[in-house]
Structures are given as C-alpha cells and as structure tokens.
Amino acid sequence: MPAERPPKRRSGAGARAGEGGGAARRRSGKTSAAQAMRSAAEQLYELLGRRPESVSAVQPTEDGWVANVEVLELERIPETTSVMASYRVTLDKEGDLVGYERVQRYTRGQIDRRG
C-alpha cells in the first residue's frame, strides 16, 4: 500500500486563525497548548509520512513544548495486534519542531501497566 503524502504546510501569512502555523501566533512568539498539540502532530506527519492517531501528552518547557504523539506503525488484523509507537516531539516557543525520538513501541491492545 503506498504511503500517504503529507499535507503541505501553510506559512504564517496564509494560514487561518487557530491553525498550527497562524500569523497571530508568529507575531506574539507564543504558542498555546492546543496549537502545540496540532503543530507536533502535523510536523511529525510531515517527517514520518504516517498519520498520528493522537497526542497523549503536551507539556510546556523553558524552551517551548514537549509532546508525546502516538502513531500507527504497522497495521495488522485484528486491530488489537497493530504496532503503535509513541514519539516524543520537541517544539520551540514558536511551535516549530526541533527534534523527535521514538520512545516506545507497543501493540494497540496493550494495557499501560505504569502506575
């Protein structure tokens, strides 16, 4: 099955308000948690070519944001045996991706046993 093509990223001036690359966000230099979540998912998709399933965490840092993004890596039948991955995505204060790493792989049906 061919990989999906990532959507083209909008630049600040052409983006609508409320989107990850909005002009209002660029002017203020600040990114909200919701914008950081969208930005992390969109930019990781551009790099991996795999559509994120969810953002499971987002936290502000001194330099910007860190988000955990869940991605389907290998689709299997039944769905509970599909391989998922959790990526830690680092964004700067403007919401631009500056780094990412895969921190965990697991099957979709796996229960989180961490306390």
Protein backbone atom coordinates (compact mmCIF):
# COMPACT_ATOMS: atom_id res chain seq x y z
CA MET A 1 0.00 0.00 0.00
CA PRO A 2 1.58 3.38 -0.98
CA ALA A 3 2.35 5.83 1.80
CA GLU A 4 0.05 8.84 2.13
CA ARG A 5 1.55 12.13 1.07
CA PRO A 6 1.79 14.62 3.90
CA PRO A 7 -0.29 17.78 3.53
CA LYS A 8 1.53 20.93 2.53
CA ARG A 9 2.35 23.10 5.50
CA ARG A 10 0.88 26.57 5.49
CA SER A 11 3.09 29.56 6.08
CA GLY A 12 2.21 32.11 8.74
CA ALA A 13 0.65 34.76 6.46
CA GLY A 14 -1.60 32.36 4.55
CA ALA A 15 -2.87 30.30 7.46
CA ARG A 16 -6.29 30.78 9.03
CA ALA A 17 -6.55 31.80 12.67
CA GLY A 18 -6.42 28.85 15.04
CA GLU A 19 -4.26 26.66 12.79
CA GLY A 20 -0.84 25.46 13.93
CA GLY A 21 1.12 27.98 11.79
CA GLY A 22 -1.17 31.00 12.31
CA ALA A 23 0.10 34.54 11.80
CA ALA A 24 -1.20 35.69 15.21
CA ARG A 25 0.93 33.04 16.91
CA ARG A 26 4.01 34.12 14.92
CA ARG A 27 3.58 37.78 15.89
CA SER A 28 3.28 37.08 19.61
CA GLY A 29 6.01 34.40 19.63
CA LYS A 30 3.85 32.29 21.96
CA THR A 31 2.14 29.00 21.30
CA SER A 32 -0.87 27.68 23.26
CA ALA A 33 -1.08 24.05 24.39
CA ALA A 34 -3.72 23.33 21.72
CA GLN A 35 -1.55 24.88 19.00
CA ALA A 36 1.47 22.90 20.26
CA MET A 37 -0.55 19.65 20.06
CA ARG A 38 -1.63 20.32 16.48
CA SER A 39 1.81 21.51 15.46
CA ALA A 40 3.55 18.44 16.92
CA ALA A 41 1.18 16.05 15.13
CA GLU A 42 1.32 17.89 11.79
CA GLN A 43 5.09 18.26 11.70
CA LEU A 44 5.75 14.66 12.79
CA TYR A 45 3.42 13.53 9.99
CA GLU A 46 5.48 15.53 7.50
CA LEU A 47 8.65 13.75 8.63
CA LEU A 48 7.33 10.19 9.03
CA GLY A 49 4.63 10.08 6.37
CA ARG A 50 2.39 8.31 8.90
CA ARG A 51 -0.72 10.00 10.25
CA PRO A 52 -0.65 10.41 14.06
CA GLU A 53 -3.52 8.76 15.93
CA SER A 54 -3.42 11.05 18.96
CA VAL A 55 -1.36 13.34 21.15
CA SER A 56 -1.21 11.70 24.57
CA ALA A 57 0.68 14.45 26.41
CA VAL A 58 1.83 18.04 25.98
CA GLN A 59 3.95 19.99 28.46
CA PRO A 60 5.48 23.47 28.39
CA THR A 61 9.25 23.76 28.85
CA GLU A 62 11.60 26.72 29.23
CA ASP A 63 12.40 26.49 25.51
CA GLY A 64 8.94 25.64 24.12
CA TRP A 65 6.92 22.43 24.33
CA VAL A 66 7.32 18.65 24.54
CA ALA A 67 4.53 16.39 23.26
CA ASN A 68 4.00 12.64 23.07
CA VAL A 69 2.45 11.64 19.76
CA GLU A 70 1.00 8.18 19.10
CA VAL A 71 1.50 6.80 15.56
CA LEU A 72 0.29 3.62 13.84
CA GLU A 73 3.49 1.99 12.55
CA LEU A 74 2.24 -1.37 11.28
CA GLU A 75 -1.42 -2.15 10.60
CA ARG A 76 -2.47 -5.73 11.35
CA ILE A 77 -5.66 -7.76 11.60
CA PRO A 78 -7.11 -7.87 14.18
CA GLU A 79 -6.53 -4.19 15.01
CA THR A 80 -5.51 -5.03 18.58
CA THR A 81 -2.28 -6.55 17.19
CA SER A 82 -1.32 -3.46 15.15
CA VAL A 83 2.04 -1.96 16.14
CA MET A 84 1.90 1.55 17.58
CA ALA A 85 4.73 3.90 18.53
CA SER A 86 4.98 6.80 20.92
CA TYR A 87 7.19 9.68 19.78
CA ARG A 88 8.48 12.48 21.99
CA VAL A 89 8.36 15.68 19.92
CA THR A 90 10.21 18.83 20.99
CA LEU A 91 8.95 22.21 19.75
CA ASP A 92 10.48 25.66 20.16
CA LYS A 93 8.50 28.62 21.53
CA GLU A 94 7.10 29.37 18.06
CA GLY A 95 5.81 25.80 17.71
CA ASP A 96 8.41 24.61 15.20
CA LEU A 97 9.72 21.06 15.57
CA VAL A 98 13.33 20.97 16.70
CA GLY A 99 13.62 17.25 17.49
CA TYR A 100 11.81 13.96 17.91
CA GLU A 101 12.53 10.43 19.06
CA ARG A 102 10.61 7.19 19.23
CA VAL A 103 10.37 6.30 22.91
CA GLN A 104 8.16 3.20 22.84
CA ARG A 105 6.64 0.59 20.53
CA TYR A 106 3.64 -1.46 21.60
CA THR A 107 0.63 -3.33 20.26
CA ARG A 108 -2.64 -1.38 20.08
CA GLY A 109 -4.31 -3.80 22.51
CA GLN A 110 -1.58 -3.46 25.13
CA ILE A 111 -2.62 -2.08 28.51
CA ASP A 112 -0.38 0.56 30.07
CA ARG A 113 0.97 -1.09 33.21
CA ARG A 114 2.78 2.00 34.53
CA GLY A 115 1.33 3.24 37.81
